[in-house]
Amino acid sequence: MSDWEIALGIVGMGLITMITRSFFMIPKQELPMPDWAKQGLRYAPLAALAAVIAPEIVMSQGHLIDTWKDARLYAAAVGTAYFFWKRGILGTIISGTVVMLGLRIGLGW
């Protein structure tokens, strides 16, 4: 592949990214959208976050974990419990991190 083809690919991907990201800012009026689509879009960030985080918790190097001695499981459980108890993001992060570090450093998991 030559240098100009690589440059053309980079510029093309940049333009496509710019156009798709600014698609909703170009029109002067709000785009009409059915209520069911608006309702569904409310859950898109949560679904994307779950799709990224869930495999990180239950998989290791492309395979499901096969042992209960994995600090990620317990850290996720403690973080989830703390969030449902107190509804605080910072406490959720801290409690999960403390459990993860405690198990990894303390027990060598």
PDB file of N, CA and C in Angstrom:
ATOM      1  N   MET A   1       0.862  -1.171   0.000  1.00  0.00           N
ATOM      2  CA  MET A   1       0.000   0.000   0.000  1.00  0.00           C
ATOM      3  C   MET A   1       0.907   1.232   0.000  1.00  0.00           C
ATOM      4  N   SER A   2       0.609   2.172  -0.873  1.00  0.00           N
ATOM      5  CA  SER A   2       1.471   3.348  -0.993  1.00  0.00           C
ATOM      6  C   SER A   2       1.089   4.423   0.024  1.00  0.00           C
ATOM      7  N   ASP A   3       1.954   5.418   0.140  1.00  0.00           N
ATOM      8  CA  ASP A   3       1.739   6.489   1.122  1.00  0.00           C
ATOM      9  C   ASP A   3       0.483   7.302   0.822  1.00  0.00           C
ATOM     10  N   TRP A   4       0.209   7.548  -0.470  1.00  0.00           N
ATOM     11  CA  TRP A   4      -0.969   8.352  -0.790  1.00  0.00           C
ATOM     12  C   TRP A   4      -2.255   7.600  -0.489  1.00  0.00           C
ATOM     13  N   GLU A   5      -2.243   6.287  -0.600  1.00  0.00           N
ATOM     14  CA  GLU A   5      -3.431   5.507  -0.255  1.00  0.00           C
ATOM     15  C   GLU A   5      -3.680   5.535   1.246  1.00  0.00           C
ATOM     16  N   ILE A   6      -2.616   5.471   2.026  1.00  0.00           N
ATOM     17  CA  ILE A   6      -2.753   5.554   3.479  1.00  0.00           C
ATOM     18  C   ILE A   6      -3.282   6.925   3.877  1.00  0.00           C
ATOM     19  N   ALA A   7      -2.716   7.993   3.274  1.00  0.00           N
ATOM     20  CA  ALA A   7      -3.170   9.352   3.571  1.00  0.00           C
ATOM     21  C   ALA A   7      -4.623   9.537   3.162  1.00  0.00           C
ATOM     22  N   LEU A   8      -5.002   9.019   2.008  1.00  0.00           N
ATOM     23  CA  LEU A   8      -6.387   9.118   1.555  1.00  0.00           C
ATOM     24  C   LEU A   8      -7.327   8.377   2.510  1.00  0.00           C
ATOM     25  N   GLY A   9      -6.911   7.224   2.993  1.00  0.00           N
ATOM     26  CA  GLY A   9      -7.720   6.473   3.956  1.00  0.00           C
ATOM     27  C   GLY A   9      -7.908   7.236   5.256  1.00  0.00           C
ATOM     28  N   ILE A  10      -6.835   7.857   5.741  1.00  0.00           N
ATOM     29  CA  ILE A  10      -6.923   8.614   6.990  1.00  0.00           C
ATOM     30  C   ILE A  10      -7.837   9.821   6.821  1.00  0.00           C
ATOM     31  N   VAL A  11      -7.670  10.554   5.724  1.00  0.00           N
ATOM     32  CA  VAL A  11      -8.518  11.726   5.477  1.00  0.00           C
ATOM     33  C   VAL A  11      -9.974  11.295   5.297  1.00  0.00           C
ATOM     34  N   GLY A  12     -10.209  10.220   4.560  1.00  0.00           N
ATOM     35  CA  GLY A  12     -11.570   9.731   4.351  1.00  0.00           C
ATOM     36  C   GLY A  12     -12.246   9.312   5.650  1.00  0.00           C
ATOM     37  N   MET A  13     -11.512   8.601   6.497  1.00  0.00           N
ATOM     38  CA  MET A  13     -12.097   8.198   7.789  1.00  0.00           C
ATOM     39  C   MET A  13     -12.366   9.404   8.671  1.00  0.00           C
ATOM     40  N   GLY A  14     -11.482  10.398   8.603  1.00  0.00           N
ATOM     41  CA  GLY A  14     -11.703  11.627   9.369  1.00  0.00           C
ATOM     42  C   GLY A  14     -12.949  12.363   8.914  1.00  0.00           C
ATOM     43  N   LEU A  15     -13.143  12.460   7.599  1.00  0.00           N
ATOM     44  CA  LEU A  15     -14.343  13.127   7.078  1.00  0.00           C
ATOM     45  C   LEU A  15     -15.615  12.377   7.447  1.00  0.00           C
ATOM     46  N   ILE A  16     -15.587  11.074   7.306  1.00  0.00           N
ATOM     47  CA  ILE A  16     -16.768  10.276   7.663  1.00  0.00           C
ATOM     48  C   ILE A  16     -17.086  10.435   9.146  1.00  0.00           C
ATOM     49  N   THR A  17     -16.074  10.422   9.994  1.00  0.00           N
ATOM     50  CA  THR A  17     -16.290  10.606  11.430  1.00  0.00           C
ATOM     51  C   THR A  17     -16.878  11.981  11.711  1.00  0.00           C
ATOM     52  N   MET A  18     -16.323  13.017  11.075  1.00  0.00           N
ATOM     53  CA  MET A  18     -16.807  14.376  11.301  1.00  0.00           C
ATOM     54  C   MET A  18     -18.262  14.520  10.850  1.00  0.00           C
ATOM     55  N   ILE A  19     -18.595  13.972   9.709  1.00  0.00           N
ATOM     56  CA  ILE A  19     -19.964  14.098   9.192  1.00  0.00           C
ATOM     57  C   ILE A  19     -20.951  13.344  10.079  1.00  0.00           C
ATOM     58  N   THR A  20     -20.614  12.114  10.468  1.00  0.00           N
ATOM     59  CA  THR A  20     -21.563  11.350  11.277  1.00  0.00           C
ATOM     60  C   THR A  20     -21.727  11.926  12.675  1.00  0.00           C
ATOM     61  N   ARG A  21     -20.677  12.498  13.238  1.00  0.00           N
ATOM     62  CA  ARG A  21     -20.793  13.086  14.577  1.00  0.00           C
ATOM     63  C   ARG A  21     -21.513  14.422  14.566  1.00  0.00           C
ATOM     64  N   SER A  22     -21.465  15.132  13.458  1.00  0.00           N
ATOM     65  CA  SER A  22     -22.122  16.439  13.410  1.00  0.00           C
ATOM     66  C   SER A  22     -23.484  16.358  12.733  1.00  0.00           C
ATOM     67  N   PHE A  23     -23.950  15.168  12.401  1.00  0.00           N
ATOM     68  CA  PHE A  23     -25.205  14.995  11.686  1.00  0.00           C
ATOM     69  C   PHE A  23     -26.381  15.635  12.405  1.00  0.00           C
ATOM     70  N   PHE A  24     -26.417  15.547  13.731  1.00  0.00           N
ATOM     71  CA  PHE A  24     -27.550  16.084  14.479  1.00  0.00           C
ATOM     72  C   PHE A  24     -27.410  17.581  14.743  1.00  0.00           C
ATOM     73  N   MET A  25     -26.240  18.155  14.477  1.00  0.00           N
ATOM     74  CA  MET A  25     -26.058  19.593  14.692  1.00  0.00           C
ATOM     75  C   MET A  25     -26.257  20.402  13.410  1.00  0.00           C
ATOM     76  N   ILE A  26     -26.286  19.757  12.262  1.00  0.00           N
ATOM     77  CA  ILE A  26     -26.396  20.465  10.986  1.00  0.00           C
ATOM     78  C   ILE A  26     -27.790  21.081  10.782  1.00  0.00           C
ATOM     79  N   PRO A  27     -28.899  20.362  10.992  1.00  0.00           N
ATOM     80  CA  PRO A  27     -30.215  20.964  10.734  1.00  0.00           C
ATOM     81  C   PRO A  27     -30.526  22.088  11.723  1.00  0.00           C
ATOM     82  N   LYS A  28     -31.283  23.091  11.230  1.00  0.00           N
ATOM     83  CA  LYS A  28     -31.653  24.213  12.086  1.00  0.00           C
ATOM     84  C   LYS A  28     -32.820  23.864  13.002  1.00  0.00           C
ATOM     85  N   GLN A  29     -33.630  22.901  12.600  1.00  0.00           N
ATOM     86  CA  GLN A  29     -34.766  22.469  13.407  1.00  0.00           C
ATOM     87  C   GLN A  29     -34.480  21.084  13.970  1.00  0.00           C
ATOM     88  N   GLU A  30     -35.185  20.782  15.045  1.00  0.00           N
ATOM     89  CA  GLU A  30     -35.033  19.446  15.629  1.00  0.00           C
ATOM     90  C   GLU A  30     -35.628  18.414  14.682  1.00  0.00           C
ATOM     91  N   LEU A  31     -34.915  17.308  14.510  1.00  0.00           N
ATOM     92  CA  LEU A  31     -35.404  16.253  13.627  1.00  0.00           C
ATOM     93  C   LEU A  31     -36.593  15.552  14.275  1.00  0.00           C
ATOM     94  N   PRO A  32     -37.668  15.326  13.512  1.00  0.00           N
ATOM     95  CA  PRO A  32     -38.805  14.612  14.091  1.00  0.00           C
ATOM     96  C   PRO A  32     -38.426  13.158  14.356  1.00  0.00           C
ATOM     97  N   MET A  33     -38.802  12.708  15.517  1.00  0.00           N
ATOM     98  CA  MET A  33     -38.458  11.346  15.905  1.00  0.00           C
ATOM     99  C   MET A  33     -39.640  10.746  16.659  1.00  0.00           C
ATOM    100  N   PRO A  34     -40.009   9.507  16.376  1.00  0.00           N
ATOM    101  CA  PRO A  34     -41.130   8.902  17.109  1.00  0.00           C
ATOM    102  C   PRO A  34     -40.801   8.753  18.600  1.00  0.00           C
ATOM    103  N   ASP A  35     -41.844   8.748  19.397  1.00  0.00           N
ATOM    104  CA  ASP A  35     -41.653   8.650  20.848  1.00  0.00           C
ATOM    105  C   ASP A  35     -40.936   7.375  21.258  1.00  0.00           C
ATOM    106  N   TRP A  36     -41.196   6.262  20.564  1.00  0.00           N
ATOM    107  CA  TRP A  36     -40.551   5.003  20.928  1.00  0.00           C
ATOM    108  C   TRP A  36     -39.052   5.095  20.703  1.00  0.00           C
ATOM    109  N   ALA A  37     -38.616   5.841  19.679  1.00  0.00           N
ATOM    110  CA  ALA A  37     -37.180   5.982  19.419  1.00  0.00           C
ATOM    111  C   ALA A  37     -36.527   6.868  20.486  1.00  0.00           C
ATOM    112  N   LYS A  38     -37.221   7.940  20.875  1.00  0.00           N
ATOM    113  CA  LYS A  38     -36.696   8.808  21.943  1.00  0.00           C
ATOM    114  C   LYS A  38     -36.567   8.026  23.247  1.00  0.00           C
ATOM    115  N   GLN A  39     -37.573   7.219  23.540  1.00  0.00           N
ATOM    116  CA  GLN A  39     -37.543   6.400  24.758  1.00  0.00           C
ATOM    117  C   GLN A  39     -36.389   5.402  24.706  1.00  0.00           C
ATOM    118  N   GLY A  40     -36.183   4.789  23.555  1.00  0.00           N
ATOM    119  CA  GLY A  40     -35.097   3.822  23.417  1.00  0.00           C
ATOM    120  C   GLY A  40     -33.724   4.452  23.515  1.00  0.00           C
ATOM    121  N   LEU A  41     -33.568   5.662  22.997  1.00  0.00           N
ATOM    122  CA  LEU A  41     -32.277   6.341  23.048  1.00  0.00           C
ATOM    123  C   LEU A  41     -31.874   6.732  24.475  1.00  0.00           C
ATOM    124  N   ARG A  42     -32.826   6.818  25.366  1.00  0.00           N
ATOM    125  CA  ARG A  42     -32.491   7.112  26.765  1.00  0.00           C
ATOM    126  C   ARG A  42     -31.633   6.014  27.375  1.00  0.00           C
ATOM    127  N   TYR A  43     -31.795   4.774  26.897  1.00  0.00           N
ATOM    128  CA  TYR A  43     -31.076   3.639  27.464  1.00  0.00           C
ATOM    129  C   TYR A  43     -29.808   3.284  26.697  1.00  0.00           C
ATOM    130  N   ALA A  44     -29.508   3.982  25.625  1.00  0.00           N
ATOM    131  CA  ALA A  44     -28.334   3.669  24.811  1.00  0.00           C
ATOM    132  C   ALA A  44     -27.020   3.795  25.585  1.00  0.00           C
ATOM    133  N   PRO A  45     -26.800   4.863  26.367  1.00  0.00           N
ATOM    134  CA  PRO A  45     -25.529   4.932  27.103  1.00  0.00           C
ATOM    135  C   PRO A  45     -25.363   3.800  28.115  1.00  0.00           C
ATOM    136  N   LEU A  46     -26.419   3.437  28.800  1.00  0.00           N
ATOM    137  CA  LEU A  46     -26.353   2.342  29.766  1.00  0.00           C
ATOM    138  C   LEU A  46     -26.061   1.016  29.070  1.00  0.00           C
ATOM    139  N   ALA A  47     -26.699   0.794  27.937  1.00  0.00           N
ATOM    140  CA  ALA A  47     -26.462  -0.441  27.187  1.00  0.00           C
ATOM    141  C   ALA A  47     -25.030  -0.507  26.676  1.00  0.00           C
ATOM    142  N   ALA A  48     -24.501   0.621  26.196  1.00  0.00           N
ATOM    143  CA  ALA A  48     -23.121   0.647  25.714  1.00  0.00           C
ATOM    144  C   ALA A  48     -22.139   0.399  26.855  1.00  0.00           C
ATOM    145  N   LEU A  49     -22.402   1.000  28.007  1.00  0.00           N
ATOM    146  CA  LEU A  49     -21.532   0.793  29.165  1.00  0.00           C
ATOM    147  C   LEU A  49     -21.557  -0.667  29.613  1.00  0.00           C
ATOM    148  N   ALA A  50     -22.730  -1.259  29.655  1.00  0.00           N
ATOM    149  CA  ALA A  50     -22.837  -2.668  30.045  1.00  0.00           C
ATOM    150  C   ALA A  50     -22.126  -3.576  29.039  1.00  0.00           C
ATOM    151  N   ALA A  51     -22.209  -3.232  27.755  1.00  0.00           N
ATOM    152  CA  ALA A  51     -21.555  -4.048  26.740  1.00  0.00           C
ATOM    153  C   ALA A  51     -20.034  -3.981  26.842  1.00  0.00           C
ATOM    154  N   VAL A  52     -19.514  -2.896  27.381  1.00  0.00           N
ATOM    155  CA  VAL A  52     -18.064  -2.763  27.532  1.00  0.00           C
ATOM    156  C   VAL A  52     -17.596  -3.379  28.844  1.00  0.00           C
ATOM    157  N   ILE A  53     -18.334  -3.156  29.924  1.00  0.00           N
ATOM    158  CA  ILE A  53     -17.906  -3.562  31.256  1.00  0.00           C
ATOM    159  C   ILE A  53     -18.129  -5.053  31.520  1.00  0.00           C
ATOM    160  N   ALA A  54     -19.259  -5.605  31.117  1.00  0.00           N
ATOM    161  CA  ALA A  54     -19.578  -7.002  31.436  1.00  0.00           C
ATOM    162  C   ALA A  54     -18.513  -7.988  30.949  1.00  0.00           C
ATOM    163  N   PRO A  55     -18.036  -7.897  29.713  1.00  0.00           N
ATOM    164  CA  PRO A  55     -16.978  -8.833  29.310  1.00  0.00           C
ATOM    165  C   PRO A  55     -15.686  -8.660  30.104  1.00  0.00           C
ATOM    166  N   GLU A  56     -15.388  -7.439  30.532  1.00  0.00           N
ATOM    167  CA  GLU A  56     -14.186  -7.204  31.330  1.00  0.00           C
ATOM    168  C   GLU A  56     -14.264  -7.910  32.676  1.00  0.00           C
ATOM    169  N   ILE A  57     -15.465  -8.067  33.198  1.00  0.00           N
ATOM    170  CA  ILE A  57     -15.637  -8.678  34.522  1.00  0.00           C
ATOM    171  C   ILE A  57     -15.602 -10.199  34.437  1.00  0.00           C
ATOM    172  N   VAL A  58     -16.235 -10.770  33.423  1.00  0.00           N
ATOM    173  CA  VAL A  58     -16.396 -12.228  33.395  1.00  0.00           C
ATOM    174  C   VAL A  58     -15.471 -12.957  32.432  1.00  0.00           C
ATOM    175  N   MET A  59     -14.615 -12.219  31.703  1.00  0.00           N
ATOM    176  CA  MET A  59     -13.722 -12.871  30.742  1.00  0.00           C
ATOM    177  C   MET A  59     -12.271 -12.493  31.004  1.00  0.00           C
ATOM    178  N   SER A  60     -11.403 -13.412  30.667  1.00  0.00           N
ATOM    179  CA  SER A  60      -9.971 -13.174  30.772  1.00  0.00           C
ATOM    180  C   SER A  60      -9.301 -13.718  29.526  1.00  0.00           C
ATOM    181  N   GLN A  61      -8.664 -12.877  28.757  1.00  0.00           N
ATOM    182  CA  GLN A  61      -7.978 -13.240  27.519  1.00  0.00           C
ATOM    183  C   GLN A  61      -8.890 -13.994  26.555  1.00  0.00           C
ATOM    184  N   GLY A  62     -10.136 -13.507  26.430  1.00  0.00           N
ATOM    185  CA  GLY A  62     -11.065 -14.077  25.468  1.00  0.00           C
ATOM    186  C   GLY A  62     -11.830 -15.307  25.920  1.00  0.00           C
ATOM    187  N   HIS A  63     -11.615 -15.750  27.150  1.00  0.00           N
ATOM    188  CA  HIS A  63     -12.309 -16.938  27.657  1.00  0.00           C
ATOM    189  C   HIS A  63     -13.007 -16.592  28.966  1.00  0.00           C
ATOM    190  N   LEU A  64     -14.140 -17.249  29.207  1.00  0.00           N
ATOM    191  CA  LEU A  64     -14.829 -17.053  30.484  1.00  0.00           C
ATOM    192  C   LEU A  64     -13.926 -17.514  31.619  1.00  0.00           C
ATOM    193  N   ILE A  65     -13.979 -16.784  32.721  1.00  0.00           N
ATOM    194  CA  ILE A  65     -13.154 -17.187  33.858  1.00  0.00           C
ATOM    195  C   ILE A  65     -13.707 -18.492  34.425  1.00  0.00           C
ATOM    196  N   ASP A  66     -12.825 -19.317  34.925  1.00  0.00           N
ATOM    197  CA  ASP A  66     -13.255 -20.631  35.389  1.00  0.00           C
ATOM    198  C   ASP A  66     -12.983 -20.841  36.870  1.00  0.00           C
ATOM    199  N   THR A  67     -12.747 -19.766  37.591  1.00  0.00           N
ATOM    200  CA  THR A  67     -12.485 -19.882  39.019  1.00  0.00           C
ATOM    201  C   THR A  67     -13.185 -18.759  39.773  1.00  0.00           C
ATOM    202  N   TRP A  68     -13.495 -19.019  41.016  1.00  0.00           N
ATOM    203  CA  TRP A  68     -14.101 -17.989  41.864  1.00  0.00           C
ATOM    204  C   TRP A  68     -13.034 -17.110  42.492  1.00  0.00           C
ATOM    205  N   LYS A  69     -11.764 -17.485  42.312  1.00  0.00           N
ATOM    206  CA  LYS A  69     -10.666 -16.687  42.878  1.00  0.00           C
ATOM    207  C   LYS A  69     -10.261 -15.580  41.910  1.00  0.00           C
ATOM    208  N   ASP A  70     -11.210 -14.753  41.546  1.00  0.00           N
ATOM    209  CA  ASP A  70     -10.962 -13.620  40.660  1.00  0.00           C
ATOM    210  C   ASP A  70     -11.485 -12.368  41.350  1.00  0.00           C
ATOM    211  N   ALA A  71     -10.587 -11.432  41.595  1.00  0.00           N
ATOM    212  CA  ALA A  71     -10.931 -10.234  42.359  1.00  0.00           C
ATOM    213  C   ALA A  71     -11.967  -9.371  41.651  1.00  0.00           C
ATOM    214  N   ARG A  72     -12.046  -9.459  40.337  1.00  0.00           N
ATOM    215  CA  ARG A  72     -13.001  -8.624  39.592  1.00  0.00           C
ATOM    216  C   ARG A  72     -14.444  -8.944  39.959  1.00  0.00           C
ATOM    217  N   LEU A  73     -14.736 -10.222  40.181  1.00  0.00           N
ATOM    218  CA  LEU A  73     -16.105 -10.612  40.541  1.00  0.00           C
ATOM    219  C   LEU A  73     -16.533  -9.982  41.858  1.00  0.00           C
ATOM    220  N   TYR A  74     -15.676 -10.070  42.846  1.00  0.00           N
ATOM    221  CA  TYR A  74     -16.001  -9.538  44.165  1.00  0.00           C
ATOM    222  C   TYR A  74     -16.017  -8.016  44.169  1.00  0.00           C
ATOM    223  N   ALA A  75     -15.109  -7.391  43.429  1.00  0.00           N
ATOM    224  CA  ALA A  75     -15.094  -5.932  43.340  1.00  0.00           C
ATOM    225  C   ALA A  75     -16.363  -5.423  42.664  1.00  0.00           C
ATOM    226  N   ALA A  76     -16.799  -6.091  41.617  1.00  0.00           N
ATOM    227  CA  ALA A  76     -18.030  -5.696  40.931  1.00  0.00           C
ATOM    228  C   ALA A  76     -19.243  -5.893  41.837  1.00  0.00           C
ATOM    229  N   ALA A  77     -19.262  -6.984  42.587  1.00  0.00           N
ATOM    230  CA  ALA A  77     -20.385  -7.237  43.501  1.00  0.00           C
ATOM    231  C   ALA A  77     -20.445  -6.191  44.612  1.00  0.00           C
ATOM    232  N   VAL A  78     -19.292  -5.860  45.187  1.00  0.00           N
ATOM    233  CA  VAL A  78     -19.264  -4.855  46.257  1.00  0.00           C
ATOM    234  C   VAL A  78     -19.621  -3.482  45.706  1.00  0.00           C
ATOM    235  N   GLY A  79     -19.087  -3.125  44.543  1.00  0.00           N
ATOM    236  CA  GLY A  79     -19.425  -1.840  43.936  1.00  0.00           C
ATOM    237  C   GLY A  79     -20.904  -1.729  43.622  1.00  0.00           C
ATOM    238  N   THR A  80     -21.493  -2.801  43.097  1.00  0.00           N
ATOM    239  CA  THR A  80     -22.923  -2.803  42.793  1.00  0.00           C
ATOM    240  C   THR A  80     -23.754  -2.676  44.068  1.00  0.00           C
ATOM    241  N   ALA A  81     -23.384  -3.429  45.094  1.00  0.00           N
ATOM    242  CA  ALA A  81     -24.113  -3.359  46.371  1.00  0.00           C
ATOM    243  C   ALA A  81     -24.031  -1.954  46.967  1.00  0.00           C
ATOM    244  N   TYR A  82     -22.843  -1.352  46.920  1.00  0.00           N
ATOM    245  CA  TYR A  82     -22.692   0.002  47.466  1.00  0.00           C
ATOM    246  C   TYR A  82     -23.554   0.992  46.688  1.00  0.00           C
ATOM    247  N   PHE A  83     -23.583   0.867  45.375  1.00  0.00           N
ATOM    248  CA  PHE A  83     -24.378   1.800  44.591  1.00  0.00           C
ATOM    249  C   PHE A  83     -25.866   1.681  44.926  1.00  0.00           C
ATOM    250  N   PHE A  84     -26.368   0.457  45.056  1.00  0.00           N
ATOM    251  CA  PHE A  84     -27.780   0.306  45.385  1.00  0.00           C
ATOM    252  C   PHE A  84     -28.086   0.726  46.819  1.00  0.00           C
ATOM    253  N   TRP A  85     -27.085   0.699  47.682  1.00  0.00           N
ATOM    254  CA  TRP A  85     -27.281   1.102  49.077  1.00  0.00           C
ATOM    255  C   TRP A  85     -27.239   2.612  49.216  1.00  0.00           C
ATOM    256  N   LYS A  86     -26.218   3.269  48.665  1.00  0.00           N
ATOM    257  CA  LYS A  86     -26.021   4.705  48.864  1.00  0.00           C
ATOM    258  C   LYS A  86     -26.313   5.565  47.641  1.00  0.00           C
ATOM    259  N   ARG A  87     -26.355   5.000  46.448  1.00  0.00           N
ATOM    260  CA  ARG A  87     -26.574   5.724  45.197  1.00  0.00           C
ATOM    261  C   ARG A  87     -25.496   6.774  44.925  1.00  0.00           C
ATOM    262  N   GLY A  88     -24.260   6.475  45.269  1.00  0.00           N
ATOM    263  CA  GLY A  88     -23.159   7.403  45.044  1.00  0.00           C
ATOM    264  C   GLY A  88     -22.107   6.810  44.129  1.00  0.00           C
ATOM    265  N   ILE A  89     -21.721   7.556  43.101  1.00  0.00           N
ATOM    266  CA  ILE A  89     -20.752   7.052  42.134  1.00  0.00           C
ATOM    267  C   ILE A  89     -19.350   6.972  42.738  1.00  0.00           C
ATOM    268  N   LEU A  90     -18.924   8.018  43.449  1.00  0.00           N
ATOM    269  CA  LEU A  90     -17.576   8.022  44.007  1.00  0.00           C
ATOM    270  C   LEU A  90     -17.393   6.872  44.999  1.00  0.00           C
ATOM    271  N   GLY A  91     -18.350   6.664  45.872  1.00  0.00           N
ATOM    272  CA  GLY A  91     -18.275   5.558  46.820  1.00  0.00           C
ATOM    273  C   GLY A  91     -18.269   4.205  46.131  1.00  0.00           C
ATOM    274  N   THR A  92     -19.005   4.093  45.026  1.00  0.00           N
ATOM    275  CA  THR A  92     -19.019   2.859  44.251  1.00  0.00           C
ATOM    276  C   THR A  92     -17.634   2.563  43.700  1.00  0.00           C
ATOM    277  N   ILE A  93     -17.003   3.577  43.119  1.00  0.00           N
ATOM    278  CA  ILE A  93     -15.665   3.404  42.557  1.00  0.00           C
ATOM    279  C   ILE A  93     -14.657   3.056  43.645  1.00  0.00           C
ATOM    280  N   ILE A  94     -14.723   3.775  44.755  1.00  0.00           N
ATOM    281  CA  ILE A  94     -13.766   3.547  45.851  1.00  0.00           C
ATOM    282  C   ILE A  94     -13.954   2.167  46.461  1.00  0.00           C
ATOM    283  N   SER A  95     -15.198   1.772  46.735  1.00  0.00           N
ATOM    284  CA  SER A  95     -15.422   0.470  47.371  1.00  0.00           C
ATOM    285  C   SER A  95     -14.980  -0.673  46.459  1.00  0.00           C
ATOM    286  N   GLY A  96     -15.284  -0.584  45.159  1.00  0.00           N
ATOM    287  CA  GLY A  96     -14.840  -1.619  44.232  1.00  0.00           C
ATOM    288  C   GLY A  96     -13.331  -1.684  44.114  1.00  0.00           C
ATOM    289  N   THR A  97     -12.701  -0.510  44.092  1.00  0.00           N
ATOM    290  CA  THR A  97     -11.245  -0.455  43.990  1.00  0.00           C
ATOM    291  C   THR A  97     -10.576  -1.003  45.237  1.00  0.00           C
ATOM    292  N   VAL A  98     -11.105  -0.678  46.404  1.00  0.00           N
ATOM    293  CA  VAL A  98     -10.534  -1.184  47.659  1.00  0.00           C
ATOM    294  C   VAL A  98     -10.605  -2.710  47.702  1.00  0.00           C
ATOM    295  N   VAL A  99     -11.741  -3.272  47.305  1.00  0.00           N
ATOM    296  CA  VAL A  99     -11.878  -4.732  47.300  1.00  0.00           C
ATOM    297  C   VAL A  99     -10.934  -5.350  46.273  1.00  0.00           C
ATOM    298  N   MET A 100     -10.863  -4.749  45.092  1.00  0.00           N
ATOM    299  CA  MET A 100      -9.982  -5.277  44.044  1.00  0.00           C
ATOM    300  C   MET A 100      -8.527  -5.252  44.495  1.00  0.00           C
ATOM    301  N   LEU A 101      -8.064  -4.126  45.015  1.00  0.00           N
ATOM    302  CA  LEU A 101      -6.685  -4.033  45.467  1.00  0.00           C
ATOM    303  C   LEU A 101      -6.427  -4.933  46.668  1.00  0.00           C
ATOM    304  N   GLY A 102      -7.384  -5.011  47.575  1.00  0.00           N
ATOM    305  CA  GLY A 102      -7.218  -5.876  48.748  1.00  0.00           C
ATOM    306  C   GLY A 102      -7.038  -7.325  48.361  1.00  0.00           C
ATOM    307  N   LEU A 103      -7.840  -7.792  47.428  1.00  0.00           N
ATOM    308  CA  LEU A 103      -7.741  -9.186  47.008  1.00  0.00           C
ATOM    309  C   LEU A 103      -6.501  -9.435  46.144  1.00  0.00           C
ATOM    310  N   ARG A 104      -6.168  -8.492  45.296  1.00  0.00           N
ATOM    311  CA  ARG A 104      -5.009  -8.671  44.410  1.00  0.00           C
ATOM    312  C   ARG A 104      -3.701  -8.576  45.198  1.00  0.00           C
ATOM    313  N   ILE A 105      -3.584  -7.554  46.032  1.00  0.00           N
ATOM    314  CA  ILE A 105      -2.333  -7.368  46.785  1.00  0.00           C
ATOM    315  C   ILE A 105      -2.288  -8.271  48.011  1.00  0.00           C
ATOM    316  N   GLY A 106      -3.395  -8.313  48.750  1.00  0.00           N
ATOM    317  CA  GLY A 106      -3.429  -9.092  49.992  1.00  0.00           C
ATOM    318  C   GLY A 106      -3.395 -10.588  49.787  1.00  0.00           C
ATOM    319  N   LEU A 107      -4.208 -11.099  48.863  1.00  0.00           N
ATOM    320  CA  LEU A 107      -4.293 -12.545  48.654  1.00  0.00           C
ATOM    321  C   LEU A 107      -3.600 -13.013  47.387  1.00  0.00           C
ATOM    322  N   GLY A 108      -3.143 -12.087  46.564  1.00  0.00           N
ATOM    323  CA  GLY A 108      -2.433 -12.462  45.350  1.00  0.00           C
ATOM    324  C   GLY A 108      -3.313 -12.982  44.242  1.00  0.00           C
ATOM    325  N   TRP A 109      -4.585 -12.635  44.249  1.00  0.00           N
ATOM    326  CA  TRP A 109      -5.493 -13.082  43.205  1.00  0.00           C
ATOM    327  C   TRP A 109      -5.188 -12.264  41.986  1.00  0.00           C
TER     328      TRP A 109
END
